[in-house]
């Protein structure tokens, strides 16, 4: 995963072939902010500038900079997988929710 981190904020980094630049998009914001750079050092400097401008605008407008996450989301899966998860969870003495949380945590662990 191409992610750059600065002051607890994360940005997805992609190469824009048309511009011959790297593009960063700051993730988890209540609005949008992006930045461009030719190399990692320039990209990090532009990340810092873009984040600073975004945070200043949010402060001026009285907006929360980070997106609010409720801790809930719906997941649609095939009925067969649902059944297999339910059986596996019961066999382990866990809820499907706990089993899913554990699997999701493993998928993002460094």
PDB file of N, CA and C in Angstrom:
ATOM      1  N   UNK A   1       0.854  -1.174   0.000  1.00  0.00           N
ATOM      2  CA  UNK A   1       0.000   0.000   0.000  1.00  0.00           C
ATOM      3  C   UNK A   1       0.900   1.236   0.000  1.00  0.00           C
ATOM      4  N   UNK A   2       0.628   2.170  -0.868  1.00  0.00           N
ATOM      5  CA  UNK A   2       1.407   3.399  -0.958  1.00  0.00           C
ATOM      6  C   UNK A   2       0.759   4.483  -0.112  1.00  0.00           C
ATOM      7  N   UNK A   3       1.139   4.524   1.166  1.00  0.00           N
ATOM      8  CA  UNK A   3       0.572   5.491   2.098  1.00  0.00           C
ATOM      9  C   UNK A   3       1.700   6.283   2.746  1.00  0.00           C
ATOM     10  N   UNK A   4       1.525   7.589   2.800  1.00  0.00           N
ATOM     11  CA  UNK A   4       2.466   8.481   3.465  1.00  0.00           C
ATOM     12  C   UNK A   4       1.751   9.035   4.688  1.00  0.00           C
ATOM     13  N   UNK A   5       2.453   9.125   5.812  1.00  0.00           N
ATOM     14  CA  UNK A   5       1.851   9.591   7.056  1.00  0.00           C
ATOM     15  C   UNK A   5       2.560  10.853   7.545  1.00  0.00           C
ATOM     16  N   UNK A   6       1.771  11.803   8.020  1.00  0.00           N
ATOM     17  CA  UNK A   6       2.295  13.051   8.554  1.00  0.00           C
ATOM     18  C   UNK A   6       1.385  13.530   9.670  1.00  0.00           C
ATOM     19  N   UNK A   7       1.933  13.667  10.864  1.00  0.00           N
ATOM     20  CA  UNK A   7       1.184  14.180  12.020  1.00  0.00           C
ATOM     21  C   UNK A   7      -0.133  13.440  12.252  1.00  0.00           C
ATOM     22  N   UNK A   8      -0.134  12.138  12.069  1.00  0.00           N
ATOM     23  CA  UNK A   8      -1.339  11.341  12.297  1.00  0.00           C
ATOM     24  C   UNK A   8      -2.331  11.340  11.146  1.00  0.00           C
ATOM     25  N   UNK A   9      -2.016  12.008  10.065  1.00  0.00           N
ATOM     26  CA  UNK A   9      -2.849  12.001   8.867  1.00  0.00           C
ATOM     27  C   UNK A   9      -2.187  11.098   7.838  1.00  0.00           C
ATOM     28  N   UNK A  10      -2.998  10.453   7.029  1.00  0.00           N
ATOM     29  CA  UNK A  10      -2.500   9.492   6.045  1.00  0.00           C
ATOM     30  C   UNK A  10      -2.924   9.930   4.652  1.00  0.00           C
ATOM     31  N   UNK A  11      -2.029   9.714   3.689  1.00  0.00           N
ATOM     32  CA  UNK A  11      -2.320  10.061   2.302  1.00  0.00           C
ATOM     33  C   UNK A  11      -1.989   8.882   1.401  1.00  0.00           C
ATOM     34  N   UNK A  12      -2.887   8.614   0.474  1.00  0.00           N
ATOM     35  CA  UNK A  12      -2.669   7.587  -0.546  1.00  0.00           C
ATOM     36  C   UNK A  12      -1.853   8.229  -1.654  1.00  0.00           C
ATOM     37  N   UNK A  13      -0.774   7.553  -2.069  1.00  0.00           N
ATOM     38  CA  UNK A  13       0.113   8.088  -3.090  1.00  0.00           C
ATOM     39  C   UNK A  13      -0.021   7.270  -4.373  1.00  0.00           C
ATOM     40  N   UNK A  14      -0.217   7.964  -5.482  1.00  0.00           N
ATOM     41  CA  UNK A  14      -0.314   7.324  -6.794  1.00  0.00           C
ATOM     42  C   UNK A  14       0.504   8.129  -7.794  1.00  0.00           C
ATOM     43  N   UNK A  15       0.914   7.463  -8.843  1.00  0.00           N
ATOM     44  CA  UNK A  15       1.646   8.142  -9.903  1.00  0.00           C
ATOM     45  C   UNK A  15       0.670   8.585 -10.983  1.00  0.00           C
ATOM     46  N   UNK A  16       0.730   9.859 -11.358  1.00  0.00           N
ATOM     47  CA  UNK A  16      -0.110  10.401 -12.418  1.00  0.00           C
ATOM     48  C   UNK A  16       0.744  10.486 -13.680  1.00  0.00           C
ATOM     49  N   UNK A  17       0.545   9.529 -14.571  1.00  0.00           N
ATOM     50  CA  UNK A  17       1.359   9.437 -15.779  1.00  0.00           C
ATOM     51  C   UNK A  17       1.185  10.650 -16.689  1.00  0.00           C
ATOM     52  N   UNK A  18      -0.026  11.165 -16.770  1.00  0.00           N
ATOM     53  CA  UNK A  18      -0.304  12.308 -17.639  1.00  0.00           C
ATOM     54  C   UNK A  18       0.491  13.544 -17.211  1.00  0.00           C
ATOM     55  N   UNK A  19       0.636  13.741 -15.902  1.00  0.00           N
ATOM     56  CA  UNK A  19       1.371  14.902 -15.384  1.00  0.00           C
ATOM     57  C   UNK A  19       2.831  14.588 -15.076  1.00  0.00           C
ATOM     58  N   UNK A  20       3.174  13.301 -15.067  1.00  0.00           N
ATOM     59  CA  UNK A  20       4.512  12.840 -14.694  1.00  0.00           C
ATOM     60  C   UNK A  20       4.876  13.315 -13.285  1.00  0.00           C
ATOM     61  N   UNK A  21       3.877  13.201 -12.393  1.00  0.00           N
ATOM     62  CA  UNK A  21       4.043  13.589 -10.988  1.00  0.00           C
ATOM     63  C   UNK A  21       3.381  12.542 -10.100  1.00  0.00           C
ATOM     64  N   UNK A  22       3.803  12.529  -8.853  1.00  0.00           N
ATOM     65  CA  UNK A  22       3.118  11.709  -7.859  1.00  0.00           C
ATOM     66  C   UNK A  22       2.009  12.562  -7.259  1.00  0.00           C
ATOM     67  N   UNK A  23       0.866  11.935  -7.043  1.00  0.00           N
ATOM     68  CA  UNK A  23      -0.286  12.625  -6.463  1.00  0.00           C
ATOM     69  C   UNK A  23      -0.606  11.993  -5.120  1.00  0.00           C
ATOM     70  N   UNK A  24      -0.820  12.825  -4.129  1.00  0.00           N
ATOM     71  CA  UNK A  24      -1.244  12.356  -2.816  1.00  0.00           C
ATOM     72  C   UNK A  24      -2.652  12.831  -2.525  1.00  0.00           C
ATOM     73  N   UNK A  25      -3.436  11.956  -1.930  1.00  0.00           N
ATOM     74  CA  UNK A  25      -4.792  12.312  -1.503  1.00  0.00           C
ATOM     75  C   UNK A  25      -4.887  12.019  -0.010  1.00  0.00           C
ATOM     76  N   UNK A  26      -5.165  13.050   0.784  1.00  0.00           N
ATOM     77  CA  UNK A  26      -5.239  12.876   2.236  1.00  0.00           C
ATOM     78  C   UNK A  26      -6.532  12.149   2.564  1.00  0.00           C
ATOM     79  N   UNK A  27      -6.402  11.076   3.332  1.00  0.00           N
ATOM     80  CA  UNK A  27      -7.528  10.189   3.640  1.00  0.00           C
ATOM     81  C   UNK A  27      -8.166  10.529   4.979  1.00  0.00           C
ATOM     82  N   UNK A  28      -9.434  10.171   5.128  1.00  0.00           N
ATOM     83  CA  UNK A  28     -10.133  10.306   6.407  1.00  0.00           C
ATOM     84  C   UNK A  28     -10.558  11.720   6.750  1.00  0.00           C
ATOM     85  N   UNK A  29     -10.606  12.594   5.761  1.00  0.00           N
ATOM     86  CA  UNK A  29     -11.002  13.981   6.012  1.00  0.00           C
ATOM     87  C   UNK A  29     -12.496  14.172   5.778  1.00  0.00           C
ATOM     88  N   UNK A  30     -13.051  15.212   6.371  1.00  0.00           N
ATOM     89  CA  UNK A  30     -14.457  15.524   6.136  1.00  0.00           C
ATOM     90  C   UNK A  30     -14.643  16.241   4.800  1.00  0.00           C
ATOM     91  N   UNK A  31     -13.545  16.660   4.203  1.00  0.00           N
ATOM     92  CA  UNK A  31     -13.545  17.281   2.883  1.00  0.00           C
ATOM     93  C   UNK A  31     -12.442  16.648   2.058  1.00  0.00           C
ATOM     94  N   UNK A  32     -11.987  17.336   1.040  1.00  0.00           N
ATOM     95  CA  UNK A  32     -10.950  16.778   0.183  1.00  0.00           C
ATOM     96  C   UNK A  32      -9.699  17.632   0.179  1.00  0.00           C
ATOM     97  N   UNK A  33      -8.545  16.977   0.104  1.00  0.00           N
ATOM     98  CA  UNK A  33      -7.265  17.683   0.000  1.00  0.00           C
ATOM     99  C   UNK A  33      -6.286  16.769  -0.715  1.00  0.00           C
ATOM    100  N   UNK A  34      -5.612  17.334  -1.719  1.00  0.00           N
ATOM    101  CA  UNK A  34      -4.607  16.551  -2.415  1.00  0.00           C
ATOM    102  C   UNK A  34      -3.374  17.405  -2.658  1.00  0.00           C
ATOM    103  N   UNK A  35      -2.329  16.787  -3.187  1.00  0.00           N
ATOM    104  CA  UNK A  35      -1.065  17.476  -3.399  1.00  0.00           C
ATOM    105  C   UNK A  35      -0.249  16.688  -4.418  1.00  0.00           C
ATOM    106  N   UNK A  36       0.746  17.338  -5.018  1.00  0.00           N
ATOM    107  CA  UNK A  36       1.574  16.722  -6.047  1.00  0.00           C
ATOM    108  C   UNK A  36       3.043  16.959  -5.747  1.00  0.00           C
ATOM    109  N   UNK A  37       3.888  16.049  -6.225  1.00  0.00           N
ATOM    110  CA  UNK A  37       5.324  16.219  -6.079  1.00  0.00           C
ATOM    111  C   UNK A  37       6.088  15.344  -7.051  1.00  0.00           C
ATOM    112  N   UNK A  38       7.334  15.730  -7.338  1.00  0.00           N
ATOM    113  CA  UNK A  38       8.178  14.991  -8.274  1.00  0.00           C
ATOM    114  C   UNK A  38       8.903  13.822  -7.620  1.00  0.00           C
ATOM    115  N   UNK A  39       9.142  13.921  -6.314  1.00  0.00           N
ATOM    116  CA  UNK A  39       9.894  12.897  -5.593  1.00  0.00           C
ATOM    117  C   UNK A  39       9.384  12.844  -4.148  1.00  0.00           C
ATOM    118  N   UNK A  40       9.818  11.859  -3.376  1.00  0.00           N
ATOM    119  CA  UNK A  40       9.294  11.730  -2.003  1.00  0.00           C
ATOM    120  C   UNK A  40       9.501  12.967  -1.131  1.00  0.00           C
ATOM    121  N   UNK A  41      10.657  13.610  -1.238  1.00  0.00           N
ATOM    122  CA  UNK A  41      10.904  14.791  -0.401  1.00  0.00           C
ATOM    123  C   UNK A  41       9.946  15.933  -0.759  1.00  0.00           C
ATOM    124  N   UNK A  42       9.782  16.174  -2.063  1.00  0.00           N
ATOM    125  CA  UNK A  42       8.860  17.222  -2.513  1.00  0.00           C
ATOM    126  C   UNK A  42       7.419  16.862  -2.158  1.00  0.00           C
ATOM    127  N   UNK A  43       7.079  15.586  -2.307  1.00  0.00           N
ATOM    128  CA  UNK A  43       5.728  15.117  -1.995  1.00  0.00           C
ATOM    129  C   UNK A  43       5.407  15.343  -0.519  1.00  0.00           C
ATOM    130  N   UNK A  44       6.372  15.030   0.365  1.00  0.00           N
ATOM    131  CA  UNK A  44       6.161  15.226   1.808  1.00  0.00           C
ATOM    132  C   UNK A  44       5.995  16.719   2.135  1.00  0.00           C
ATOM    133  N   UNK A  45       6.790  17.576   1.492  1.00  0.00           N
ATOM    134  CA  UNK A  45       6.679  19.021   1.728  1.00  0.00           C
ATOM    135  C   UNK A  45       5.308  19.534   1.276  1.00  0.00           C
ATOM    136  N   UNK A  46       4.839  19.054   0.119  1.00  0.00           N
ATOM    137  CA  UNK A  46       3.534  19.469  -0.389  1.00  0.00           C
ATOM    138  C   UNK A  46       2.398  18.909   0.468  1.00  0.00           C
ATOM    139  N   UNK A  47       2.584  17.710   0.997  1.00  0.00           N
ATOM    140  CA  UNK A  47       1.615  17.110   1.929  1.00  0.00           C
ATOM    141  C   UNK A  47       1.458  18.041   3.123  1.00  0.00           C
ATOM    142  N   UNK A  48       2.581  18.463   3.681  1.00  0.00           N
ATOM    143  CA  UNK A  48       2.558  19.343   4.853  1.00  0.00           C
ATOM    144  C   UNK A  48       1.828  20.647   4.544  1.00  0.00           C
ATOM    145  N   UNK A  49       2.125  21.259   3.377  1.00  0.00           N
ATOM    146  CA  UNK A  49       1.468  22.513   2.985  1.00  0.00           C
ATOM    147  C   UNK A  49      -0.033  22.323   2.790  1.00  0.00           C
ATOM    148  N   UNK A  50      -0.396  21.276   2.065  1.00  0.00           N
ATOM    149  CA  UNK A  50      -1.806  21.020   1.772  1.00  0.00           C
ATOM    150  C   UNK A  50      -2.588  20.769   3.054  1.00  0.00           C
ATOM    151  N   UNK A  51      -2.018  19.982   3.951  1.00  0.00           N
ATOM    152  CA  UNK A  51      -2.680  19.694   5.225  1.00  0.00           C
ATOM    153  C   UNK A  51      -2.845  20.965   6.042  1.00  0.00           C
ATOM    154  N   UNK A  52      -1.805  21.785   6.069  1.00  0.00           N
ATOM    155  CA  UNK A  52      -1.856  23.032   6.825  1.00  0.00           C
ATOM    156  C   UNK A  52      -2.966  23.949   6.302  1.00  0.00           C
ATOM    157  N   UNK A  53      -3.056  24.096   4.994  1.00  0.00           N
ATOM    158  CA  UNK A  53      -4.100  24.935   4.386  1.00  0.00           C
ATOM    159  C   UNK A  53      -5.477  24.361   4.714  1.00  0.00           C
ATOM    160  N   UNK A  54      -5.623  23.044   4.556  1.00  0.00           N
ATOM    161  CA  UNK A  54      -6.909  22.398   4.837  1.00  0.00           C
ATOM    162  C   UNK A  54      -7.336  22.643   6.283  1.00  0.00           C
ATOM    163  N   UNK A  55      -6.414  22.446   7.229  1.00  0.00           N
ATOM    164  CA  UNK A  55      -6.738  22.633   8.651  1.00  0.00           C
ATOM    165  C   UNK A  55      -7.086  24.088   8.962  1.00  0.00           C
ATOM    166  N   UNK A  56      -6.412  25.031   8.308  1.00  0.00           N
ATOM    167  CA  UNK A  56      -6.715  26.456   8.506  1.00  0.00           C
ATOM    168  C   UNK A  56      -8.110  26.789   7.997  1.00  0.00           C
ATOM    169  N   UNK A  57      -8.469  26.271   6.827  1.00  0.00           N
ATOM    170  CA  UNK A  57      -9.805  26.511   6.264  1.00  0.00           C
ATOM    171  C   UNK A  57     -10.877  25.921   7.181  1.00  0.00           C
ATOM    172  N   UNK A  58     -10.632  24.704   7.679  1.00  0.00           N
ATOM    173  CA  UNK A  58     -11.595  24.081   8.594  1.00  0.00           C
ATOM    174  C   UNK A  58     -11.776  24.920   9.847  1.00  0.00           C
ATOM    175  N   UNK A  59     -10.672  25.423  10.377  1.00  0.00           N
ATOM    176  CA  UNK A  59     -10.741  26.248  11.589  1.00  0.00           C
ATOM    177  C   UNK A  59     -11.536  27.530  11.333  1.00  0.00           C
ATOM    178  N   UNK A  60     -11.251  28.180  10.195  1.00  0.00           N
ATOM    179  CA  UNK A  60     -11.964  29.415   9.839  1.00  0.00           C
ATOM    180  C   UNK A  60     -13.467  29.191   9.688  1.00  0.00           C
ATOM    181  N   UNK A  61     -13.838  28.048   9.122  1.00  0.00           N
ATOM    182  CA  UNK A  61     -15.251  27.753   8.862  1.00  0.00           C
ATOM    183  C   UNK A  61     -15.922  26.994   9.994  1.00  0.00           C
ATOM    184  N   UNK A  62     -15.171  26.674  11.042  1.00  0.00           N
ATOM    185  CA  UNK A  62     -15.729  25.941  12.171  1.00  0.00           C
ATOM    186  C   UNK A  62     -16.097  24.506  11.849  1.00  0.00           C
ATOM    187  N   UNK A  63     -15.333  23.887  10.952  1.00  0.00           N
ATOM    188  CA  UNK A  63     -15.599  22.513  10.536  1.00  0.00           C
ATOM    189  C   UNK A  63     -14.649  21.534  11.210  1.00  0.00           C
ATOM    190  N   UNK A  64     -15.143  20.346  11.456  1.00  0.00           N
ATOM    191  CA  UNK A  64     -14.301  19.271  11.979  1.00  0.00           C
ATOM    192  C   UNK A  64     -13.466  18.741  10.812  1.00  0.00           C
ATOM    193  N   UNK A  65     -12.124  18.746  10.925  1.00  0.00           N
ATOM    194  CA  UNK A  65     -11.298  18.323   9.791  1.00  0.00           C
ATOM    195  C   UNK A  65     -11.382  16.834   9.462  1.00  0.00           C
ATOM    196  N   UNK A  66     -11.528  16.019  10.492  1.00  0.00           N
ATOM    197  CA  UNK A  66     -11.568  14.578  10.264  1.00  0.00           C
ATOM    198  C   UNK A  66     -12.999  14.084  10.097  1.00  0.00           C
ATOM    199  N   UNK A  67     -13.139  13.135   9.217  1.00  0.00           N
ATOM    200  CA  UNK A  67     -14.439  12.493   9.003  1.00  0.00           C
ATOM    201  C   UNK A  67     -14.808  11.696  10.257  1.00  0.00           C
ATOM    202  N   UNK A  68     -16.066  11.712  10.598  1.00  0.00           N
ATOM    203  CA  UNK A  68     -16.548  10.955  11.766  1.00  0.00           C
ATOM    204  C   UNK A  68     -16.878   9.527  11.340  1.00  0.00           C
ATOM    205  N   UNK A  69     -16.371   8.565  12.079  1.00  0.00           N
ATOM    206  CA  UNK A  69     -16.673   7.158  11.825  1.00  0.00           C
ATOM    207  C   UNK A  69     -17.460   6.615  13.009  1.00  0.00           C
ATOM    208  N   UNK A  70     -18.603   6.007  12.726  1.00  0.00           N
ATOM    209  CA  UNK A  70     -19.510   5.536  13.777  1.00  0.00           C
ATOM    210  C   UNK A  70     -19.078   4.210  14.385  1.00  0.00           C
ATOM    211  N   UNK A  71     -18.239   3.462  13.669  1.00  0.00           N
ATOM    212  CA  UNK A  71     -17.875   2.130  14.141  1.00  0.00           C
ATOM    213  C   UNK A  71     -18.824   1.068  13.602  1.00  0.00           C
ATOM    214  N   UNK A  72     -19.716   1.478  12.712  1.00  0.00           N
ATOM    215  CA  UNK A  72     -20.674   0.535  12.118  1.00  0.00           C
ATOM    216  C   UNK A  72     -20.600   0.635  10.606  1.00  0.00           C
ATOM    217  N   UNK A  73     -20.712  -0.506   9.927  1.00  0.00           N
ATOM    218  CA  UNK A  73     -20.872  -0.514   8.480  1.00  0.00           C
ATOM    219  C   UNK A  73     -21.546  -1.810   8.070  1.00  0.00           C
ATOM    220  N   UNK A  74     -22.250  -1.748   6.964  1.00  0.00           N
ATOM    221  CA  UNK A  74     -22.927  -2.936   6.441  1.00  0.00           C
ATOM    222  C   UNK A  74     -22.005  -3.650   5.481  1.00  0.00           C
ATOM    223  N   UNK A  75     -22.025  -4.951   5.544  1.00  0.00           N
ATOM    224  CA  UNK A  75     -21.198  -5.760   4.670  1.00  0.00           C
ATOM    225  C   UNK A  75     -22.085  -6.790   3.993  1.00  0.00           C
ATOM    226  N   UNK A  76     -22.084  -6.782   2.672  1.00  0.00           N
ATOM    227  CA  UNK A  76     -22.882  -7.749   1.925  1.00  0.00           C
ATOM    228  C   UNK A  76     -21.977  -8.872   1.464  1.00  0.00           C
ATOM    229  N   UNK A  77     -22.355 -10.090   1.834  1.00  0.00           N
ATOM    230  CA  UNK A  77     -21.567 -11.263   1.459  1.00  0.00           C
ATOM    231  C   UNK A  77     -22.523 -12.351   0.962  1.00  0.00           C
ATOM    232  N   UNK A  78     -22.003 -13.310   0.226  1.00  0.00           N
ATOM    233  CA  UNK A  78     -22.866 -14.406  -0.226  1.00  0.00           C
ATOM    234  C   UNK A  78     -23.431 -15.183   0.969  1.00  0.00           C
ATOM    235  N   UNK A  79     -24.632 -15.695   0.810  1.00  0.00           N
ATOM    236  CA  UNK A  79     -25.301 -16.442   1.881  1.00  0.00           C
ATOM    237  C   UNK A  79     -24.450 -17.621   2.354  1.00  0.00           C
ATOM    238  N   UNK A  80     -23.771 -18.284   1.426  1.00  0.00           N
ATOM    239  CA  UNK A  80     -22.932 -19.435   1.796  1.00  0.00           C
ATOM    240  C   UNK A  80     -21.792 -19.015   2.720  1.00  0.00           C
ATOM    241  N   UNK A  81     -21.189 -17.868   2.427  1.00  0.00           N
ATOM    242  CA  UNK A  81     -20.113 -17.371   3.287  1.00  0.00           C
ATOM    243  C   UNK A  81     -20.661 -16.980   4.652  1.00  0.00           C
ATOM    244  N   UNK A  82     -21.832 -16.370   4.675  1.00  0.00           N
ATOM    245  CA  UNK A  82     -22.482 -15.993   5.929  1.00  0.00           C
ATOM    246  C   UNK A  82     -22.689 -17.237   6.801  1.00  0.00           C
ATOM    247  N   UNK A  83     -23.186 -18.304   6.169  1.00  0.00           N
ATOM    248  CA  UNK A  83     -23.416 -19.552   6.904  1.00  0.00           C
ATOM    249  C   UNK A  83     -22.104 -20.101   7.452  1.00  0.00           C
ATOM    250  N   UNK A  84     -21.070 -20.124   6.627  1.00  0.00           N
ATOM    251  CA  UNK A  84     -19.775 -20.647   7.069  1.00  0.00           C
ATOM    252  C   UNK A  84     -19.184 -19.814   8.204  1.00  0.00           C
ATOM    253  N   UNK A  85     -19.359 -18.491   8.129  1.00  0.00           N
ATOM    254  CA  UNK A  85     -18.887 -17.620   9.203  1.00  0.00           C
ATOM    255  C   UNK A  85     -19.646 -17.875  10.504  1.00  0.00           C
ATOM    256  N   UNK A  86     -20.950 -18.033  10.392  1.00  0.00           N
ATOM    257  CA  UNK A  86     -21.768 -18.296  11.581  1.00  0.00           C
ATOM    258  C   UNK A  86     -21.341 -19.595  12.251  1.00  0.00           C
ATOM    259  N   UNK A  87     -21.110 -20.624  11.462  1.00  0.00           N
ATOM    260  CA  UNK A  87     -20.688 -21.915  12.010  1.00  0.00           C
ATOM    261  C   UNK A  87     -19.312 -21.803  12.646  1.00  0.00           C
ATOM    262  N   UNK A  88     -18.369 -21.119  11.957  1.00  0.00           N
ATOM    263  CA  UNK A  88     -17.018 -20.950  12.499  1.00  0.00           C
ATOM    264  C   UNK A  88     -17.049 -20.147  13.800  1.00  0.00           C
ATOM    265  N   UNK A  89     -17.852 -19.102  13.832  1.00  0.00           N
ATOM    266  CA  UNK A  89     -17.961 -18.277  15.042  1.00  0.00           C
ATOM    267  C   UNK A  89     -18.525 -19.091  16.203  1.00  0.00           C
ATOM    268  N   UNK A  90     -19.581 -19.845  15.948  1.00  0.00           N
ATOM    269  CA  UNK A  90     -20.169 -20.672  17.000  1.00  0.00           C
ATOM    270  C   UNK A  90     -19.158 -21.699  17.500  1.00  0.00           C
ATOM    271  N   UNK A  91     -18.437 -22.309  16.581  1.00  0.00           N
ATOM    272  CA  UNK A  91     -17.459 -23.327  16.960  1.00  0.00           C
ATOM    273  C   UNK A  91     -16.352 -22.742  17.841  1.00  0.00           C
ATOM    274  N   UNK A  92     -16.044 -21.468  17.634  1.00  0.00           N
ATOM    275  CA  UNK A  92     -14.993 -20.815  18.420  1.00  0.00           C
ATOM    276  C   UNK A  92     -15.545 -20.089  19.648  1.00  0.00           C
ATOM    277  N   UNK A  93     -16.863 -20.151  19.830  1.00  0.00           N
ATOM    278  CA  UNK A  93     -17.483 -19.479  20.965  1.00  0.00           C
ATOM    279  C   UNK A  93     -17.450 -17.961  20.836  1.00  0.00           C
ATOM    280  N   UNK A  94     -17.516 -17.484  19.601  1.00  0.00           N
ATOM    281  CA  UNK A  94     -17.459 -16.045  19.339  1.00  0.00           C
ATOM    282  C   UNK A  94     -18.683 -15.630  18.535  1.00  0.00           C
ATOM    283  N   UNK A  95     -18.892 -14.332  18.467  1.00  0.00           N
ATOM    284  CA  UNK A  95     -19.934 -13.805  17.578  1.00  0.00           C
ATOM    285  C   UNK A  95     -19.326 -13.613  16.185  1.00  0.00           C
ATOM    286  N   UNK A  96     -20.187 -13.512  15.176  1.00  0.00           N
ATOM    287  CA  UNK A  96     -19.697 -13.211  13.828  1.00  0.00           C
ATOM    288  C   UNK A  96     -18.979 -11.866  13.852  1.00  0.00           C
ATOM    289  N   UNK A  97     -19.505 -10.919  14.612  1.00  0.00           N
ATOM    290  CA  UNK A  97     -18.901  -9.596  14.698  1.00  0.00           C
ATOM    291  C   UNK A  97     -17.459  -9.687  15.209  1.00  0.00           C
ATOM    292  N   UNK A  98     -17.234 -10.464  16.257  1.00  0.00           N
ATOM    293  CA  UNK A  98     -15.889 -10.621  16.813  1.00  0.00           C
ATOM    294  C   UNK A  98     -14.966 -11.289  15.801  1.00  0.00           C
ATOM    295  N   UNK A  99     -15.468 -12.331  15.159  1.00  0.00           N
ATOM    296  CA  UNK A  99     -14.676 -13.030  14.147  1.00  0.00           C
ATOM    297  C   UNK A  99     -14.296 -12.077  13.012  1.00  0.00           C
ATOM    298  N   UNK A 100     -15.240 -11.267  12.570  1.00  0.00           N
ATOM    299  CA  UNK A 100     -14.983 -10.301  11.500  1.00  0.00           C
ATOM    300  C   UNK A 100     -13.988  -9.228  11.945  1.00  0.00           C
ATOM    301  N   UNK A 101     -14.139  -8.739  13.175  1.00  0.00           N
ATOM    302  CA  UNK A 101     -13.196  -7.735  13.690  1.00  0.00           C
ATOM    303  C   UNK A 101     -11.777  -8.279  13.706  1.00  0.00           C
ATOM    304  N   UNK A 102     -11.621  -9.510  14.144  1.00  0.00           N
ATOM    305  CA  UNK A 102     -10.292 -10.126  14.202  1.00  0.00           C
ATOM    306  C   UNK A 102      -9.688 -10.255  12.793  1.00  0.00           C
ATOM    307  N   UNK A 103     -10.502 -10.682  11.835  1.00  0.00           N
ATOM    308  CA  UNK A 103     -10.021 -10.839  10.454  1.00  0.00           C
ATOM    309  C   UNK A 103      -9.655  -9.479   9.865  1.00  0.00           C
ATOM    310  N   UNK A 104     -10.485  -8.473  10.110  1.00  0.00           N
ATOM    311  CA  UNK A 104     -10.197  -7.143   9.586  1.00  0.00           C
ATOM    312  C   UNK A 104      -8.929  -6.574  10.220  1.00  0.00           C
ATOM    313  N   UNK A 105      -8.753  -6.772  11.499  1.00  0.00           N
ATOM    314  CA  UNK A 105      -7.556  -6.287  12.192  1.00  0.00           C
ATOM    315  C   UNK A 105      -6.310  -6.944  11.615  1.00  0.00           C
ATOM    316  N   UNK A 106      -6.369  -8.234  11.353  1.00  0.00           N
ATOM    317  CA  UNK A 106      -5.219  -8.935  10.760  1.00  0.00           C
ATOM    318  C   UNK A 106      -4.906  -8.390   9.373  1.00  0.00           C
ATOM    319  N   UNK A 107      -5.916  -7.989   8.632  1.00  0.00           N
ATOM    320  CA  UNK A 107      -5.699  -7.523   7.255  1.00  0.00           C
ATOM    321  C   UNK A 107      -5.013  -6.168   7.184  1.00  0.00           C
ATOM    322  N   UNK A 108      -5.044  -5.388   8.274  1.00  0.00           N
ATOM    323  CA  UNK A 108      -4.384  -4.078   8.256  1.00  0.00           C
ATOM    324  C   UNK A 108      -3.170  -4.014   9.162  1.00  0.00           C
ATOM    325  N   UNK A 109      -2.864  -5.103   9.858  1.00  0.00           N
ATOM    326  CA  UNK A 109      -1.715  -5.129  10.756  1.00  0.00           C
ATOM    327  C   UNK A 109      -0.420  -4.981   9.940  1.00  0.00           C
ATOM    328  N   UNK A 110       0.529  -4.220  10.473  1.00  0.00           N
ATOM    329  CA  UNK A 110       1.799  -4.024   9.753  1.00  0.00           C
ATOM    330  C   UNK A 110       2.611  -5.302   9.642  1.00  0.00           C
TER     331      UNK A 110
END
